[in-house]
Amino acid sequence: MAIQKGDTVSIEYSMSLKDGTLIDSTKDTDPLSFTQGQGEIINGIENALLGMEISETLTIEVSPEDAFGASDPEALVEVPKTDLPPDGLEEGAVLEAQGPENQQIEGRVIEVKEDTVIVDFNHPLAGKELHCEVEIVDVIQND
């Protein structure tokens, strides 16, 4: 049965960076289940799975635009040190903030200056090309 929009699909997958660094995998967990066509997984994989069947495998390179997006220079924000907790004043610190639609967003401190820090609110994988290996484990047609 070929995967169609609205089907519940279960996959085993591994995702790595171009240099081979493993980002995520279902190797030691349960398969990932999602509804095809609902945007629950990255577009590059979701679009490639359409029409595939149980037990088929896929190896795909996913561009940043079809994964977590391009890195947005406007997501780099300079924040006064006085507005941050003491543990947020070092490179690599992860900070939580409220986004433009009142959602929780995370940022990483990428630079510490004399009176300010630069916080990157891009997704950590923004701008990265991904290598993905996928096996279709199950497909349930939803009418």
C-alpha atoms as a PDB file:
ATOM      1  CA  MET A   1       0.000   0.000   0.000  1.00  0.00           C
ATOM      2  CA  ALA A   2       1.583   3.265  -1.171  1.00  0.00           C
ATOM      3  CA  ILE A   3       1.856   6.177   1.265  1.00  0.00           C
ATOM      4  CA  GLN A   4      -0.784   8.838   0.608  1.00  0.00           C
ATOM      5  CA  LYS A   5      -1.658  12.133   2.282  1.00  0.00           C
ATOM      6  CA  GLY A   6      -3.450  11.473   5.568  1.00  0.00           C
ATOM      7  CA  ASP A   7      -1.923   8.024   6.164  1.00  0.00           C
ATOM      8  CA  THR A   8      -0.288   7.227   9.496  1.00  0.00           C
ATOM      9  CA  VAL A   9       3.293   6.254   8.665  1.00  0.00           C
ATOM     10  CA  SER A  10       5.898   4.639  10.927  1.00  0.00           C
ATOM     11  CA  ILE A  11       9.576   4.872   9.979  1.00  0.00           C
ATOM     12  CA  GLU A  12      12.977   3.876  11.277  1.00  0.00           C
ATOM     13  CA  TYR A  13      15.533   6.559  10.430  1.00  0.00           C
ATOM     14  CA  SER A  14      18.918   8.043  11.070  1.00  0.00           C
ATOM     15  CA  MET A  15      19.812  11.660  10.402  1.00  0.00           C
ATOM     16  CA  SER A  16      23.337  13.016  10.211  1.00  0.00           C
ATOM     17  CA  LEU A  17      25.213  16.099   9.091  1.00  0.00           C
ATOM     18  CA  LYS A  18      27.176  16.130   5.866  1.00  0.00           C
ATOM     19  CA  ASP A  19      30.358  15.363   7.849  1.00  0.00           C
ATOM     20  CA  GLY A  20      28.774  12.193   9.290  1.00  0.00           C
ATOM     21  CA  THR A  21      27.921  13.539  12.747  1.00  0.00           C
ATOM     22  CA  LEU A  22      24.817  11.639  13.905  1.00  0.00           C
ATOM     23  CA  ILE A  23      21.997  13.997  14.909  1.00  0.00           C
ATOM     24  CA  ASP A  24      19.096  11.667  15.558  1.00  0.00           C
ATOM     25  CA  SER A  25      18.139   8.033  15.115  1.00  0.00           C
ATOM     26  CA  THR A  26      15.413   5.575  16.025  1.00  0.00           C
ATOM     27  CA  LYS A  27      18.009   2.777  16.323  1.00  0.00           C
ATOM     28  CA  ASP A  28      17.553   2.393  20.092  1.00  0.00           C
ATOM     29  CA  THR A  29      13.937   3.610  20.285  1.00  0.00           C
ATOM     30  CA  ASP A  30      10.544   2.917  18.800  1.00  0.00           C
ATOM     31  CA  PRO A  31       9.855   3.898  15.188  1.00  0.00           C
ATOM     32  CA  LEU A  32       8.685   7.451  14.540  1.00  0.00           C
ATOM     33  CA  SER A  33       4.999   7.698  13.616  1.00  0.00           C
ATOM     34  CA  PHE A  34       3.429  10.703  11.902  1.00  0.00           C
ATOM     35  CA  THR A  35       0.523  11.664   9.656  1.00  0.00           C
ATOM     36  CA  GLN A  36       1.654  12.112   6.050  1.00  0.00           C
ATOM     37  CA  GLY A  37       1.038  15.615   4.732  1.00  0.00           C
ATOM     38  CA  GLN A  38       0.570  17.301   8.119  1.00  0.00           C
ATOM     39  CA  GLY A  39       4.069  18.823   8.404  1.00  0.00           C
ATOM     40  CA  GLU A  40       4.954  16.752  11.464  1.00  0.00           C
ATOM     41  CA  ILE A  41       8.398  15.887  10.034  1.00  0.00           C
ATOM     42  CA  ILE A  42      10.771  17.868   7.825  1.00  0.00           C
ATOM     43  CA  ASN A  43       9.462  18.555   4.309  1.00  0.00           C
ATOM     44  CA  GLY A  44      12.373  16.927   2.502  1.00  0.00           C
ATOM     45  CA  ILE A  45      11.654  13.530   4.025  1.00  0.00           C
ATOM     46  CA  GLU A  46       7.868  13.831   4.015  1.00  0.00           C
ATOM     47  CA  ASN A  47       7.760  14.715   0.305  1.00  0.00           C
ATOM     48  CA  ALA A  48      10.161  11.892  -0.619  1.00  0.00           C
ATOM     49  CA  LEU A  49       8.046   9.264   1.183  1.00  0.00           C
ATOM     50  CA  LEU A  50       4.866   9.978  -0.774  1.00  0.00           C
ATOM     51  CA  GLY A  51       4.034   6.900  -2.869  1.00  0.00           C
ATOM     52  CA  MET A  52       6.528   4.592  -1.124  1.00  0.00           C
ATOM     53  CA  GLU A  53       5.492   1.303   0.511  1.00  0.00           C
ATOM     54  CA  ILE A  54       6.223  -0.774   3.627  1.00  0.00           C
ATOM     55  CA  SER A  55       9.808  -2.150   3.759  1.00  0.00           C
ATOM     56  CA  GLU A  56      11.091   0.303   1.148  1.00  0.00           C
ATOM     57  CA  THR A  57      14.174   2.291   2.086  1.00  0.00           C
ATOM     58  CA  LEU A  58      15.297   5.752   1.143  1.00  0.00           C
ATOM     59  CA  THR A  59      18.625   7.554   1.362  1.00  0.00           C
ATOM     60  CA  ILE A  60      18.278  11.287   0.795  1.00  0.00           C
ATOM     61  CA  GLU A  61      20.228  14.508   1.135  1.00  0.00           C
ATOM     62  CA  VAL A  62      17.903  17.191   2.467  1.00  0.00           C
ATOM     63  CA  SER A  63      18.676  20.846   1.747  1.00  0.00           C
ATOM     64  CA  PRO A  64      18.379  23.399   4.564  1.00  0.00           C
ATOM     65  CA  GLU A  65      15.282  24.848   2.892  1.00  0.00           C
ATOM     66  CA  ASP A  66      13.542  21.452   3.082  1.00  0.00           C
ATOM     67  CA  ALA A  67      14.768  20.764   6.625  1.00  0.00           C
ATOM     68  CA  PHE A  68      15.097  23.438   9.319  1.00  0.00           C
ATOM     69  CA  GLY A  69      15.433  26.448   7.037  1.00  0.00           C
ATOM     70  CA  ALA A  70      18.272  28.766   6.187  1.00  0.00           C
ATOM     71  CA  SER A  71      20.134  30.514   8.966  1.00  0.00           C
ATOM     72  CA  ASP A  72      18.453  33.913   9.481  1.00  0.00           C
ATOM     73  CA  PRO A  73      20.817  36.755  10.418  1.00  0.00           C
ATOM     74  CA  GLU A  74      17.862  38.570  12.033  1.00  0.00           C
ATOM     75  CA  ALA A  75      17.645  35.746  14.580  1.00  0.00           C
ATOM     76  CA  LEU A  76      20.960  36.950  16.058  1.00  0.00           C
ATOM     77  CA  VAL A  77      20.040  39.278  18.905  1.00  0.00           C
ATOM     78  CA  GLU A  78      22.352  41.465  20.975  1.00  0.00           C
ATOM     79  CA  VAL A  79      21.209  41.459  24.603  1.00  0.00           C
ATOM     80  CA  PRO A  80      22.545  43.575  27.485  1.00  0.00           C
ATOM     81  CA  LYS A  81      24.329  41.437  30.064  1.00  0.00           C
ATOM     82  CA  THR A  82      22.173  43.043  32.751  1.00  0.00           C
ATOM     83  CA  ASP A  83      19.084  41.371  31.198  1.00  0.00           C
ATOM     84  CA  LEU A  84      20.516  37.863  31.588  1.00  0.00           C
ATOM     85  CA  PRO A  85      21.040  35.485  34.495  1.00  0.00           C
ATOM     86  CA  PRO A  86      24.678  34.861  35.529  1.00  0.00           C
ATOM     87  CA  ASP A  87      24.709  31.414  33.874  1.00  0.00           C
ATOM     88  CA  GLY A  88      23.708  33.020  30.552  1.00  0.00           C
ATOM     89  CA  LEU A  89      26.894  35.040  30.274  1.00  0.00           C
ATOM     90  CA  GLU A  90      29.116  32.418  28.665  1.00  0.00           C
ATOM     91  CA  GLU A  91      29.392  31.075  25.113  1.00  0.00           C
ATOM     92  CA  GLY A  92      27.259  28.007  24.557  1.00  0.00           C
ATOM     93  CA  ALA A  93      24.731  28.844  27.263  1.00  0.00           C
ATOM     94  CA  VAL A  94      21.163  28.022  26.280  1.00  0.00           C
ATOM     95  CA  LEU A  95      18.568  30.660  27.116  1.00  0.00           C
ATOM     96  CA  GLU A  96      14.795  30.570  26.942  1.00  0.00           C
ATOM     97  CA  ALA A  97      12.817  33.549  25.716  1.00  0.00           C
ATOM     98  CA  GLN A  98       9.318  34.419  24.621  1.00  0.00           C
ATOM     99  CA  GLY A  99       8.856  34.531  20.854  1.00  0.00           C
ATOM    100  CA  PRO A 100       6.773  36.988  18.821  1.00  0.00           C
ATOM    101  CA  GLU A 101       3.669  34.804  19.194  1.00  0.00           C
ATOM    102  CA  ASN A 102       4.222  34.251  22.949  1.00  0.00           C
ATOM    103  CA  GLN A 103       5.789  30.827  22.299  1.00  0.00           C
ATOM    104  CA  GLN A 104       8.858  29.550  24.191  1.00  0.00           C
ATOM    105  CA  ILE A 105      11.991  29.744  22.055  1.00  0.00           C
ATOM    106  CA  GLU A 106      15.556  28.746  22.797  1.00  0.00           C
ATOM    107  CA  GLY A 107      18.670  30.670  21.910  1.00  0.00           C
ATOM    108  CA  ARG A 108      22.362  29.922  22.245  1.00  0.00           C
ATOM    109  CA  VAL A 109      24.939  32.471  23.371  1.00  0.00           C
ATOM    110  CA  ILE A 110      27.455  32.618  20.546  1.00  0.00           C
ATOM    111  CA  GLU A 111      29.524  35.633  21.589  1.00  0.00           C
ATOM    112  CA  VAL A 112      30.193  37.497  24.812  1.00  0.00           C
ATOM    113  CA  LYS A 113      31.128  41.171  24.485  1.00  0.00           C
ATOM    114  CA  GLU A 114      32.020  43.744  27.131  1.00  0.00           C
ATOM    115  CA  ASP A 115      28.449  44.829  27.959  1.00  0.00           C
ATOM    116  CA  THR A 116      26.318  42.521  25.794  1.00  0.00           C
ATOM    117  CA  VAL A 117      26.017  38.974  24.490  1.00  0.00           C
ATOM    118  CA  ILE A 118      24.958  37.799  21.039  1.00  0.00           C
ATOM    119  CA  VAL A 119      22.201  35.165  21.218  1.00  0.00           C
ATOM    120  CA  ASP A 120      21.380  33.001  18.193  1.00  0.00           C
ATOM    121  CA  PHE A 121      17.669  32.128  18.069  1.00  0.00           C
ATOM    122  CA  ASN A 122      17.969  30.087  14.850  1.00  0.00           C
ATOM    123  CA  HIS A 123      17.163  26.385  15.106  1.00  0.00           C
ATOM    124  CA  PRO A 124      20.492  24.615  15.853  1.00  0.00           C
ATOM    125  CA  LEU A 125      20.207  22.807  12.483  1.00  0.00           C
ATOM    126  CA  ALA A 126      19.245  25.883  10.437  1.00  0.00           C
ATOM    127  CA  GLY A 127      21.442  26.217   7.379  1.00  0.00           C
ATOM    128  CA  LYS A 128      22.598  22.587   7.562  1.00  0.00           C
ATOM    129  CA  GLU A 129      22.266  19.953   4.827  1.00  0.00           C
ATOM    130  CA  LEU A 130      21.135  16.636   6.286  1.00  0.00           C
ATOM    131  CA  HIS A 131      21.824  13.055   5.246  1.00  0.00           C
ATOM    132  CA  CYS A 132      18.866  10.781   6.057  1.00  0.00           C
ATOM    133  CA  GLU A 133      18.358   7.043   5.813  1.00  0.00           C
ATOM    134  CA  VAL A 134      14.743   5.924   6.177  1.00  0.00           C
ATOM    135  CA  GLU A 135      12.934   2.580   6.212  1.00  0.00           C
ATOM    136  CA  ILE A 136       9.136   2.439   6.092  1.00  0.00           C
ATOM    137  CA  VAL A 137       7.945   0.151   8.886  1.00  0.00           C
ATOM    138  CA  ASP A 138       4.165   0.562   8.664  1.00  0.00           C
ATOM    139  CA  VAL A 139       1.461   2.441   6.800  1.00  0.00           C
ATOM    140  CA  ILE A 140      -2.100   2.750   8.054  1.00  0.00           C
ATOM    141  CA  GLN A 141      -4.562   4.270   5.611  1.00  0.00           C
ATOM    142  CA  ASN A 142      -6.825   6.840   7.216  1.00  0.00           C
ATOM    143  CA  ASP A 143      -9.960   7.482   5.233  1.00  0.00           C
END
